[in-house]
């Protein structure tokens, strides 16, 4: 396998991967989970697209054409812009009324703009801003099938406060994530479609630290694994589902269970 593209974020990585697969080129994303689940934030050169050596030349040609068309398209004013409007006529309505109206004004969606990656006339990455230019919402169609599969919600300061993910692209958001100070803190996932979150990933400063497998009947964890640099190191297991962890497994650098 050879690196064909260094993605700036997870969203771009999925865009390029799906574009190559539309041309019948198998592509793989390396480093997807090292970004800490923050979606469109910079990946710091961690996320790469890999293809087989036999597909390298064809894939490079496709990506070069895409990059060239993107530059042309961006130059045609499709870069998201933030517009500002000033509040008028509130001066004489009183301090309390003024504060209420100012807050409502700052949160009312005003400007919508984004990117159309496959040029079908539909924005695949759409941003919604308040009149003051603060980001309120980011809606993304990562696999370009016409359906949203990633949505970020922002607080009054423009920081991410929660997100929904459809990672198997079936039209249902099976994962929800919460954020603090712009960093993801926890992601809950319904892995079997029963509307119950049975898999939880915990983060510290945006970095995954542990995962929990939840018993759907009790709501308690039946297995908790600690993570270091993306690798599972130790798992504690409740073998008889009595809410007490009674078994411990450790793993080596290759992800194999240490036998004792």
C-alpha atoms as a PDB file:
ATOM      1  CA  UNK A   1       0.000   0.000   0.000  1.00  0.00           C
ATOM      2  CA  UNK A   2       1.129   3.549  -0.752  1.00  0.00           C
ATOM      3  CA  UNK A   3       0.041   6.905   0.623  1.00  0.00           C
ATOM      4  CA  UNK A   4      -1.810   8.765  -2.106  1.00  0.00           C
ATOM      5  CA  UNK A   5      -3.226  11.697  -0.118  1.00  0.00           C
ATOM      6  CA  UNK A   6      -2.595  13.478   3.200  1.00  0.00           C
ATOM      7  CA  UNK A   7      -5.997  14.658   4.432  1.00  0.00           C
ATOM      8  CA  UNK A   8      -6.433  17.836   6.440  1.00  0.00           C
ATOM      9  CA  UNK A   9      -9.336  16.332   8.413  1.00  0.00           C
ATOM     10  CA  UNK A  10     -11.551  13.260   8.697  1.00  0.00           C
ATOM     11  CA  UNK A  11     -14.283  14.769   6.517  1.00  0.00           C
ATOM     12  CA  UNK A  12     -11.869  15.391   3.646  1.00  0.00           C
ATOM     13  CA  UNK A  13     -10.446  11.868   4.057  1.00  0.00           C
ATOM     14  CA  UNK A  14     -13.894  10.299   3.592  1.00  0.00           C
ATOM     15  CA  UNK A  15     -14.601  12.582   0.623  1.00  0.00           C
ATOM     16  CA  UNK A  16     -11.430  11.472  -1.165  1.00  0.00           C
ATOM     17  CA  UNK A  17     -11.962   7.801  -0.250  1.00  0.00           C
ATOM     18  CA  UNK A  18     -15.514   7.796  -1.649  1.00  0.00           C
ATOM     19  CA  UNK A  19     -14.375   9.659  -4.763  1.00  0.00           C
ATOM     20  CA  UNK A  20     -11.739   6.988  -5.475  1.00  0.00           C
ATOM     21  CA  UNK A  21     -14.174   4.165  -4.792  1.00  0.00           C
ATOM     22  CA  UNK A  22     -16.581   5.696  -7.318  1.00  0.00           C
ATOM     23  CA  UNK A  23     -13.778   5.081  -9.815  1.00  0.00           C
ATOM     24  CA  UNK A  24     -13.485   1.447  -8.596  1.00  0.00           C
ATOM     25  CA  UNK A  25     -10.256   2.084  -6.687  1.00  0.00           C
ATOM     26  CA  UNK A  26     -10.116   0.582  -3.204  1.00  0.00           C
ATOM     27  CA  UNK A  27      -8.867   3.157  -0.711  1.00  0.00           C
ATOM     28  CA  UNK A  28      -8.176   2.964   3.002  1.00  0.00           C
ATOM     29  CA  UNK A  29      -8.036   5.637   5.698  1.00  0.00           C
ATOM     30  CA  UNK A  30      -5.113   5.381   8.113  1.00  0.00           C
ATOM     31  CA  UNK A  31      -5.202   7.303  11.395  1.00  0.00           C
ATOM     32  CA  UNK A  32      -8.948   7.974  11.358  1.00  0.00           C
ATOM     33  CA  UNK A  33      -9.357   7.437  15.106  1.00  0.00           C
ATOM     34  CA  UNK A  34      -6.201   9.282  16.126  1.00  0.00           C
ATOM     35  CA  UNK A  35      -7.904  12.598  15.533  1.00  0.00           C
ATOM     36  CA  UNK A  36      -9.996  12.228  18.676  1.00  0.00           C
ATOM     37  CA  UNK A  37     -13.380  12.308  16.957  1.00  0.00           C
ATOM     38  CA  UNK A  38     -13.436  16.047  16.398  1.00  0.00           C
ATOM     39  CA  UNK A  39     -14.691  15.799  12.875  1.00  0.00           C
ATOM     40  CA  UNK A  40     -13.573  18.763  10.838  1.00  0.00           C
ATOM     41  CA  UNK A  41     -10.784  20.025  13.087  1.00  0.00           C
ATOM     42  CA  UNK A  42      -7.181  19.827  11.803  1.00  0.00           C
ATOM     43  CA  UNK A  43      -5.741  16.315  11.807  1.00  0.00           C
ATOM     44  CA  UNK A  44      -2.080  17.456  12.076  1.00  0.00           C
ATOM     45  CA  UNK A  45      -0.866  15.086   9.322  1.00  0.00           C
ATOM     46  CA  UNK A  46      -2.271  12.006  11.054  1.00  0.00           C
ATOM     47  CA  UNK A  47      -4.896  11.028   8.487  1.00  0.00           C
ATOM     48  CA  UNK A  48      -3.727   9.473   5.213  1.00  0.00           C
ATOM     49  CA  UNK A  49      -5.399   7.790   2.246  1.00  0.00           C
ATOM     50  CA  UNK A  50      -3.754   4.551   1.119  1.00  0.00           C
ATOM     51  CA  UNK A  51      -4.187   2.655  -2.171  1.00  0.00           C
ATOM     52  CA  UNK A  52      -2.589  -0.410  -3.703  1.00  0.00           C
ATOM     53  CA  UNK A  53       0.608   0.213  -5.663  1.00  0.00           C
ATOM     54  CA  UNK A  54      -1.114  -0.938  -8.850  1.00  0.00           C
ATOM     55  CA  UNK A  55      -3.786   1.776  -8.404  1.00  0.00           C
ATOM     56  CA  UNK A  56      -1.389   4.566  -7.413  1.00  0.00           C
ATOM     57  CA  UNK A  57      -0.962   6.219 -10.825  1.00  0.00           C
ATOM     58  CA  UNK A  58      -4.686   6.181 -11.647  1.00  0.00           C
ATOM     59  CA  UNK A  59      -5.619   7.419  -8.166  1.00  0.00           C
ATOM     60  CA  UNK A  60      -3.078  10.248  -8.378  1.00  0.00           C
ATOM     61  CA  UNK A  61      -4.532  11.365 -11.700  1.00  0.00           C
ATOM     62  CA  UNK A  62      -8.061  11.428 -10.251  1.00  0.00           C
ATOM     63  CA  UNK A  63      -6.976  13.363  -7.143  1.00  0.00           C
ATOM     64  CA  UNK A  64      -4.916  15.841  -9.171  1.00  0.00           C
ATOM     65  CA  UNK A  65      -7.953  16.583 -11.354  1.00  0.00           C
ATOM     66  CA  UNK A  66     -10.119  16.956  -8.242  1.00  0.00           C
ATOM     67  CA  UNK A  67      -7.638  19.355  -6.610  1.00  0.00           C
ATOM     68  CA  UNK A  68      -7.483  21.437  -9.772  1.00  0.00           C
ATOM     69  CA  UNK A  69     -11.257  21.637 -10.040  1.00  0.00           C
ATOM     70  CA  UNK A  70     -11.506  22.526  -6.338  1.00  0.00           C
ATOM     71  CA  UNK A  71      -9.134  25.455  -6.803  1.00  0.00           C
ATOM     72  CA  UNK A  72     -11.210  26.690  -9.727  1.00  0.00           C
ATOM     73  CA  UNK A  73     -14.440  26.227  -7.830  1.00  0.00           C
ATOM     74  CA  UNK A  74     -13.180  27.946  -4.663  1.00  0.00           C
ATOM     75  CA  UNK A  75     -12.046  30.911  -6.736  1.00  0.00           C
ATOM     76  CA  UNK A  76     -15.679  31.236  -7.886  1.00  0.00           C
ATOM     77  CA  UNK A  77     -16.803  32.404  -4.433  1.00  0.00           C
ATOM     78  CA  UNK A  78     -17.876  29.094  -2.891  1.00  0.00           C
ATOM     79  CA  UNK A  79     -15.776  29.583   0.230  1.00  0.00           C
ATOM     80  CA  UNK A  80     -18.004  29.908   3.311  1.00  0.00           C
ATOM     81  CA  UNK A  81     -18.249  33.553   4.330  1.00  0.00           C
ATOM     82  CA  UNK A  82     -19.589  35.116   7.458  1.00  0.00           C
ATOM     83  CA  UNK A  83     -21.725  38.188   7.175  1.00  0.00           C
ATOM     84  CA  UNK A  84     -22.509  40.574   9.953  1.00  0.00           C
ATOM     85  CA  UNK A  85     -25.508  42.748  10.589  1.00  0.00           C
ATOM     86  CA  UNK A  86     -25.853  45.299  13.327  1.00  0.00           C
ATOM     87  CA  UNK A  87     -28.892  45.482  15.571  1.00  0.00           C
ATOM     88  CA  UNK A  88     -30.895  48.665  15.100  1.00  0.00           C
ATOM     89  CA  UNK A  89     -33.803  50.160  16.937  1.00  0.00           C
ATOM     90  CA  UNK A  90     -33.111  48.496  20.316  1.00  0.00           C
ATOM     91  CA  UNK A  91     -31.613  51.473  22.104  1.00  0.00           C
ATOM     92  CA  UNK A  92     -34.916  52.852  23.400  1.00  0.00           C
ATOM     93  CA  UNK A  93     -36.526  49.522  24.384  1.00  0.00           C
ATOM     94  CA  UNK A  94     -34.825  49.235  27.768  1.00  0.00           C
ATOM     95  CA  UNK A  95     -31.839  47.302  29.049  1.00  0.00           C
ATOM     96  CA  UNK A  96     -33.697  44.038  29.784  1.00  0.00           C
ATOM     97  CA  UNK A  97     -35.540  43.935  26.478  1.00  0.00           C
ATOM     98  CA  UNK A  98     -32.336  44.875  24.703  1.00  0.00           C
ATOM     99  CA  UNK A  99     -30.431  41.951  26.230  1.00  0.00           C
ATOM    100  CA  UNK A 100     -33.167  39.479  25.312  1.00  0.00           C
ATOM    101  CA  UNK A 101     -33.392  40.673  21.729  1.00  0.00           C
ATOM    102  CA  UNK A 102     -29.623  40.788  21.354  1.00  0.00           C
ATOM    103  CA  UNK A 103     -29.300  37.163  22.457  1.00  0.00           C
ATOM    104  CA  UNK A 104     -32.099  36.023  20.141  1.00  0.00           C
ATOM    105  CA  UNK A 105     -30.547  37.987  17.297  1.00  0.00           C
ATOM    106  CA  UNK A 106     -27.129  36.421  17.853  1.00  0.00           C
ATOM    107  CA  UNK A 107     -28.566  32.877  17.739  1.00  0.00           C
ATOM    108  CA  UNK A 108     -30.947  33.292  14.796  1.00  0.00           C
ATOM    109  CA  UNK A 109     -29.592  31.489  11.702  1.00  0.00           C
ATOM    110  CA  UNK A 110     -28.784  34.031   9.055  1.00  0.00           C
ATOM    111  CA  UNK A 111     -26.062  33.015   6.627  1.00  0.00           C
ATOM    112  CA  UNK A 112     -25.761  29.567   5.044  1.00  0.00           C
ATOM    113  CA  UNK A 113     -22.831  28.643   2.833  1.00  0.00           C
ATOM    114  CA  UNK A 114     -20.490  25.729   2.214  1.00  0.00           C
ATOM    115  CA  UNK A 115     -18.891  23.384  -0.286  1.00  0.00           C
ATOM    116  CA  UNK A 116     -20.297  21.306  -3.120  1.00  0.00           C
ATOM    117  CA  UNK A 117     -17.561  18.678  -3.469  1.00  0.00           C
ATOM    118  CA  UNK A 118     -19.069  16.717  -6.359  1.00  0.00           C
ATOM    119  CA  UNK A 119     -20.657  19.714  -8.146  1.00  0.00           C
ATOM    120  CA  UNK A 120     -24.203  18.340  -8.193  1.00  0.00           C
ATOM    121  CA  UNK A 121     -25.762  21.629  -7.083  1.00  0.00           C
ATOM    122  CA  UNK A 122     -26.173  20.467  -3.476  1.00  0.00           C
ATOM    123  CA  UNK A 123     -23.899  21.591  -0.632  1.00  0.00           C
ATOM    124  CA  UNK A 124     -22.120  18.559   0.835  1.00  0.00           C
ATOM    125  CA  UNK A 125     -20.594  20.585   3.672  1.00  0.00           C
ATOM    126  CA  UNK A 126     -22.972  23.320   4.822  1.00  0.00           C
ATOM    127  CA  UNK A 127     -22.358  25.922   7.534  1.00  0.00           C
ATOM    128  CA  UNK A 128     -24.983  28.060   9.248  1.00  0.00           C
ATOM    129  CA  UNK A 129     -23.948  31.303  10.942  1.00  0.00           C
ATOM    130  CA  UNK A 130     -25.683  33.825  13.157  1.00  0.00           C
ATOM    131  CA  UNK A 131     -25.959  37.455  11.959  1.00  0.00           C
ATOM    132  CA  UNK A 132     -22.888  38.238  14.072  1.00  0.00           C
ATOM    133  CA  UNK A 133     -20.833  35.643  12.194  1.00  0.00           C
ATOM    134  CA  UNK A 134     -20.774  32.938  14.902  1.00  0.00           C
ATOM    135  CA  UNK A 135     -21.014  29.351  13.646  1.00  0.00           C
ATOM    136  CA  UNK A 136     -24.245  27.655  14.767  1.00  0.00           C
ATOM    137  CA  UNK A 137     -24.407  24.450  12.729  1.00  0.00           C
ATOM    138  CA  UNK A 138     -22.266  22.340  10.386  1.00  0.00           C
ATOM    139  CA  UNK A 139     -24.039  19.650   8.327  1.00  0.00           C
ATOM    140  CA  UNK A 140     -21.967  17.248   6.235  1.00  0.00           C
ATOM    141  CA  UNK A 141     -22.631  14.524   3.666  1.00  0.00           C
ATOM    142  CA  UNK A 142     -19.305  12.666   3.864  1.00  0.00           C
ATOM    143  CA  UNK A 143     -20.013   9.944   1.293  1.00  0.00           C
ATOM    144  CA  UNK A 144     -21.824  12.257  -1.156  1.00  0.00           C
ATOM    145  CA  UNK A 145     -25.027  10.184  -1.291  1.00  0.00           C
ATOM    146  CA  UNK A 146     -27.347  13.138  -0.724  1.00  0.00           C
ATOM    147  CA  UNK A 147     -27.960  12.313   2.968  1.00  0.00           C
ATOM    148  CA  UNK A 148     -26.465  14.045   5.994  1.00  0.00           C
ATOM    149  CA  UNK A 149     -24.261  11.766   8.089  1.00  0.00           C
ATOM    150  CA  UNK A 150     -22.405  14.245  10.307  1.00  0.00           C
ATOM    151  CA  UNK A 151     -23.859  17.230  12.184  1.00  0.00           C
ATOM    152  CA  UNK A 152     -22.047  19.580  14.574  1.00  0.00           C
ATOM    153  CA  UNK A 153     -23.892  21.977  16.891  1.00  0.00           C
ATOM    154  CA  UNK A 154     -22.090  25.033  18.294  1.00  0.00           C
ATOM    155  CA  UNK A 155     -22.644  27.136  21.411  1.00  0.00           C
ATOM    156  CA  UNK A 156     -23.003  30.929  21.538  1.00  0.00           C
ATOM    157  CA  UNK A 157     -19.220  31.325  21.341  1.00  0.00           C
ATOM    158  CA  UNK A 158     -18.892  29.172  18.223  1.00  0.00           C
ATOM    159  CA  UNK A 159     -17.453  26.146  20.072  1.00  0.00           C
ATOM    160  CA  UNK A 160     -18.723  22.626  19.364  1.00  0.00           C
ATOM    161  CA  UNK A 161     -21.091  21.463  22.094  1.00  0.00           C
ATOM    162  CA  UNK A 162     -22.537  18.272  20.576  1.00  0.00           C
ATOM    163  CA  UNK A 163     -22.537  16.225  17.385  1.00  0.00           C
ATOM    164  CA  UNK A 164     -24.352  13.346  15.687  1.00  0.00           C
ATOM    165  CA  UNK A 165     -22.666  10.722  13.500  1.00  0.00           C
ATOM    166  CA  UNK A 166     -23.987   8.209  10.960  1.00  0.00           C
ATOM    167  CA  UNK A 167     -20.788   6.193  10.478  1.00  0.00           C
ATOM    168  CA  UNK A 168     -22.359   3.275   8.590  1.00  0.00           C
ATOM    169  CA  UNK A 169     -24.221   5.633   6.216  1.00  0.00           C
ATOM    170  CA  UNK A 170     -27.605   3.942   6.671  1.00  0.00           C
ATOM    171  CA  UNK A 171     -29.507   7.204   7.173  1.00  0.00           C
ATOM    172  CA  UNK A 172     -29.677   6.915  10.979  1.00  0.00           C
ATOM    173  CA  UNK A 173     -27.482   8.844  13.414  1.00  0.00           C
ATOM    174  CA  UNK A 174     -26.312   6.033  15.687  1.00  0.00           C
ATOM    175  CA  UNK A 175     -23.697   8.046  17.618  1.00  0.00           C
ATOM    176  CA  UNK A 176     -23.940  11.242  19.656  1.00  0.00           C
ATOM    177  CA  UNK A 177     -20.978  13.115  21.076  1.00  0.00           C
ATOM    178  CA  UNK A 178     -20.619  15.798  23.730  1.00  0.00           C
ATOM    179  CA  UNK A 179     -17.867  18.426  23.870  1.00  0.00           C
ATOM    180  CA  UNK A 180     -16.299  20.763  26.391  1.00  0.00           C
ATOM    181  CA  UNK A 181     -14.088  23.722  25.492  1.00  0.00           C
ATOM    182  CA  UNK A 182     -14.084  22.496  21.892  1.00  0.00           C
ATOM    183  CA  UNK A 183     -12.809  19.014  22.818  1.00  0.00           C
ATOM    184  CA  UNK A 184     -14.865  15.840  22.592  1.00  0.00           C
ATOM    185  CA  UNK A 185     -15.514  14.313  26.034  1.00  0.00           C
ATOM    186  CA  UNK A 186     -17.761  11.341  25.309  1.00  0.00           C
ATOM    187  CA  UNK A 187     -19.349   9.504  22.386  1.00  0.00           C
ATOM    188  CA  UNK A 188     -22.312   7.172  22.826  1.00  0.00           C
ATOM    189  CA  UNK A 189     -23.162   4.668  20.084  1.00  0.00           C
ATOM    190  CA  UNK A 190     -26.117   2.398  19.372  1.00  0.00           C
ATOM    191  CA  UNK A 191     -24.355  -0.465  17.571  1.00  0.00           C
ATOM    192  CA  UNK A 192     -27.378  -2.694  16.933  1.00  0.00           C
ATOM    193  CA  UNK A 193     -30.154  -0.218  16.103  1.00  0.00           C
ATOM    194  CA  UNK A 194     -32.296  -0.818  19.205  1.00  0.00           C
ATOM    195  CA  UNK A 195     -32.207   2.891  20.210  1.00  0.00           C
ATOM    196  CA  UNK A 196     -30.024   2.136  23.239  1.00  0.00           C
ATOM    197  CA  UNK A 197     -26.412   3.302  23.480  1.00  0.00           C
ATOM    198  CA  UNK A 198     -24.471   0.118  24.154  1.00  0.00           C
ATOM    199  CA  UNK A 199     -20.969   1.382  23.368  1.00  0.00           C
ATOM    200  CA  UNK A 200     -19.370   4.436  24.978  1.00  0.00           C
ATOM    201  CA  UNK A 201     -16.017   6.039  24.221  1.00  0.00           C
ATOM    202  CA  UNK A 202     -14.587   8.433  26.808  1.00  0.00           C
ATOM    203  CA  UNK A 203     -12.082  11.179  26.001  1.00  0.00           C
ATOM    204  CA  UNK A 204      -9.771  13.498  27.918  1.00  0.00           C
ATOM    205  CA  UNK A 205      -8.678  16.692  26.182  1.00  0.00           C
ATOM    206  CA  UNK A 206     -10.061  15.212  22.948  1.00  0.00           C
ATOM    207  CA  UNK A 207      -8.038  11.979  23.208  1.00  0.00           C
ATOM    208  CA  UNK A 208      -9.759   8.582  23.613  1.00  0.00           C
ATOM    209  CA  UNK A 209      -8.940   7.108  27.035  1.00  0.00           C
ATOM    210  CA  UNK A 210     -11.437   4.270  27.530  1.00  0.00           C
ATOM    211  CA  UNK A 211     -14.328   2.373  25.978  1.00  0.00           C
ATOM    212  CA  UNK A 212     -17.311   0.785  27.714  1.00  0.00           C
ATOM    213  CA  UNK A 213     -19.497  -2.101  26.542  1.00  0.00           C
ATOM    214  CA  UNK A 214     -22.919  -1.620  28.144  1.00  0.00           C
ATOM    215  CA  UNK A 215     -25.335  -4.353  29.229  1.00  0.00           C
ATOM    216  CA  UNK A 216     -28.622  -3.377  27.532  1.00  0.00           C
ATOM    217  CA  UNK A 217     -30.670  -4.938  30.327  1.00  0.00           C
ATOM    218  CA  UNK A 218     -29.017  -3.299  33.344  1.00  0.00           C
ATOM    219  CA  UNK A 219     -27.541  -0.207  31.748  1.00  0.00           C
ATOM    220  CA  UNK A 220     -24.214  -0.902  33.460  1.00  0.00           C
ATOM    221  CA  UNK A 221     -20.866  -1.589  31.848  1.00  0.00           C
ATOM    222  CA  UNK A 222     -20.064  -5.267  31.317  1.00  0.00           C
ATOM    223  CA  UNK A 223     -16.574  -4.499  30.003  1.00  0.00           C
ATOM    224  CA  UNK A 224     -14.337  -1.446  30.336  1.00  0.00           C
ATOM    225  CA  UNK A 225     -11.091  -1.099  28.389  1.00  0.00           C
ATOM    226  CA  UNK A 226      -8.437   1.571  28.816  1.00  0.00           C
ATOM    227  CA  UNK A 227      -6.795   3.030  25.705  1.00  0.00           C
ATOM    228  CA  UNK A 228      -3.341   4.513  25.229  1.00  0.00           C
ATOM    229  CA  UNK A 229      -2.421   6.145  21.915  1.00  0.00           C
ATOM    230  CA  UNK A 230      -5.258   4.347  20.157  1.00  0.00           C
ATOM    231  CA  UNK A 231      -4.389   0.885  21.499  1.00  0.00           C
ATOM    232  CA  UNK A 232      -6.309  -1.129  24.080  1.00  0.00           C
ATOM    233  CA  UNK A 233      -4.043  -1.803  27.077  1.00  0.00           C
ATOM    234  CA  UNK A 234      -6.235  -3.263  29.852  1.00  0.00           C
ATOM    235  CA  UNK A 235      -9.820  -4.561  29.993  1.00  0.00           C
ATOM    236  CA  UNK A 236     -11.900  -5.264  33.091  1.00  0.00           C
ATOM    237  CA  UNK A 237     -14.856  -7.618  32.590  1.00  0.00           C
ATOM    238  CA  UNK A 238     -18.020  -8.412  34.561  1.00  0.00           C
ATOM    239  CA  UNK A 239     -18.327 -12.065  33.562  1.00  0.00           C
ATOM    240  CA  UNK A 240     -21.525 -12.826  35.497  1.00  0.00           C
ATOM    241  CA  UNK A 241     -23.193  -9.409  35.011  1.00  0.00           C
ATOM    242  CA  UNK A 242     -23.462  -8.672  38.735  1.00  0.00           C
ATOM    243  CA  UNK A 243     -22.070  -5.133  38.228  1.00  0.00           C
ATOM    244  CA  UNK A 244     -18.692  -6.125  39.676  1.00  0.00           C
ATOM    245  CA  UNK A 245     -15.634  -6.407  37.458  1.00  0.00           C
ATOM    246  CA  UNK A 246     -14.204  -9.847  38.244  1.00  0.00           C
ATOM    247  CA  UNK A 247     -11.779 -10.461  35.374  1.00  0.00           C
ATOM    248  CA  UNK A 248      -8.837  -8.496  34.037  1.00  0.00           C
ATOM    249  CA  UNK A 249      -7.095  -8.817  30.679  1.00  0.00           C
ATOM    250  CA  UNK A 250      -3.927  -7.034  29.538  1.00  0.00           C
ATOM    251  CA  UNK A 251      -2.795  -6.625  25.946  1.00  0.00           C
ATOM    252  CA  UNK A 252       0.605  -6.397  24.304  1.00  0.00           C
ATOM    253  CA  UNK A 253       1.718  -3.903  21.651  1.00  0.00           C
ATOM    254  CA  UNK A 254       0.209  -6.100  18.919  1.00  0.00           C
ATOM    255  CA  UNK A 255      -3.226  -6.141  20.545  1.00  0.00           C
ATOM    256  CA  UNK A 256      -2.854  -9.743  21.679  1.00  0.00           C
ATOM    257  CA  UNK A 257      -3.989 -10.842  25.147  1.00  0.00           C
ATOM    258  CA  UNK A 258      -1.114 -11.421  27.535  1.00  0.00           C
ATOM    259  CA  UNK A 259      -1.422 -15.014  28.712  1.00  0.00           C
ATOM    260  CA  UNK A 260      -0.509 -15.766  32.329  1.00  0.00           C
END
